[in-house]
């Protein structure tokens, strides 16, 4: 999947002082988590480098997932 830097990102996070644009909403997945759940979204920086951004769930239930994670507490992994 190729992700391109956009003038209208769906969201951004900061990693090592650089802005990473999210290519989609975070999605709850359990792949590779030993049965746990993690929220993931792909992102791209201005240089075209791709990343995977992850958030741990808080355990709070919400219909709109607003409180599903501490959205300011994330990990960024290069792809």
Protein backbone atom coordinates (compact mmCIF):
# COMPACT_ATOMS: atom_id res chain seq x y z
CA UNK A 1 0.00 0.00 0.00
CA UNK A 2 1.41 3.38 -0.98
CA UNK A 3 0.48 6.30 1.24
CA UNK A 4 0.98 9.85 0.00
CA UNK A 5 1.35 13.05 1.99
CA UNK A 6 -1.84 15.11 1.73
CA UNK A 7 -2.87 18.74 2.10
CA UNK A 8 -5.92 17.45 4.04
CA UNK A 9 -4.80 14.68 6.41
CA UNK A 10 -7.26 12.59 8.43
CA UNK A 11 -5.15 13.28 11.50
CA UNK A 12 -1.53 13.73 12.52
CA UNK A 13 0.87 12.55 15.20
CA UNK A 14 4.38 13.77 15.96
CA UNK A 15 7.39 11.45 16.02
CA UNK A 16 10.96 12.64 16.60
CA UNK A 17 9.83 16.21 15.90
CA UNK A 18 8.29 15.28 12.54
CA UNK A 19 4.62 15.34 11.62
CA UNK A 20 3.15 12.04 10.45
CA UNK A 21 -0.17 12.17 8.64
CA UNK A 22 -2.61 9.35 9.31
CA UNK A 23 -3.94 7.66 6.17
CA UNK A 24 -7.11 6.45 7.89
CA UNK A 25 -8.91 6.13 11.17
CA UNK A 26 -7.38 3.89 13.81
CA UNK A 27 -8.88 0.40 13.67
CA UNK A 28 -9.09 -2.08 16.56
CA UNK A 29 -7.17 -5.26 15.72
CA UNK A 30 -5.83 -8.23 17.61
CA UNK A 31 -3.32 -9.57 15.07
CA UNK A 32 -0.01 -10.32 16.80
CA UNK A 33 -1.20 -9.24 20.25
CA UNK A 34 -1.57 -12.65 21.94
CA UNK A 35 -5.33 -12.14 22.21
CA UNK A 36 -5.24 -8.47 23.24
CA UNK A 37 -6.55 -5.56 21.21
CA UNK A 38 -4.57 -2.64 19.84
CA UNK A 39 -5.67 0.27 17.66
CA UNK A 40 -3.58 0.80 14.51
CA UNK A 41 -3.38 3.30 11.67
CA UNK A 42 -0.88 3.76 8.86
CA UNK A 43 0.81 7.09 8.31
CA UNK A 44 3.33 8.93 6.14
CA UNK A 45 5.76 11.80 6.70
CA UNK A 46 6.60 14.64 4.28
CA UNK A 47 9.54 12.60 2.91
CA UNK A 48 7.23 9.73 1.96
CA UNK A 49 8.35 7.36 4.73
CA UNK A 50 5.58 5.02 5.89
CA UNK A 51 4.75 4.24 9.52
CA UNK A 52 2.41 2.19 11.65
CA UNK A 53 0.95 4.10 14.61
CA UNK A 54 -0.46 2.08 17.52
CA UNK A 55 -2.52 2.93 20.60
CA UNK A 56 -3.37 0.72 23.59
CA UNK A 57 -7.05 0.61 24.59
CA UNK A 58 -8.13 2.14 27.91
CA UNK A 59 -10.85 -0.44 28.51
CA UNK A 60 -13.57 2.23 28.52
CA UNK A 61 -16.60 1.49 26.36
CA UNK A 62 -17.95 4.20 24.07
CA UNK A 63 -20.11 4.04 20.96
CA UNK A 64 -17.93 6.50 19.07
CA UNK A 65 -14.61 5.15 20.48
CA UNK A 66 -13.71 8.63 21.71
CA UNK A 67 -12.41 7.17 24.98
CA UNK A 68 -11.26 3.83 23.57
CA UNK A 69 -7.58 4.87 23.86
CA UNK A 70 -5.46 7.60 25.35
CA UNK A 71 -5.05 9.08 21.87
CA UNK A 72 -2.08 11.22 22.92
CA UNK A 73 -0.17 8.09 24.03
CA UNK A 74 0.98 6.22 20.91
CA UNK A 75 3.90 4.33 19.42
CA UNK A 76 5.25 4.92 15.92
CA UNK A 77 6.93 2.12 14.02
CA UNK A 78 8.65 2.59 10.65
CA UNK A 79 7.46 0.27 7.86
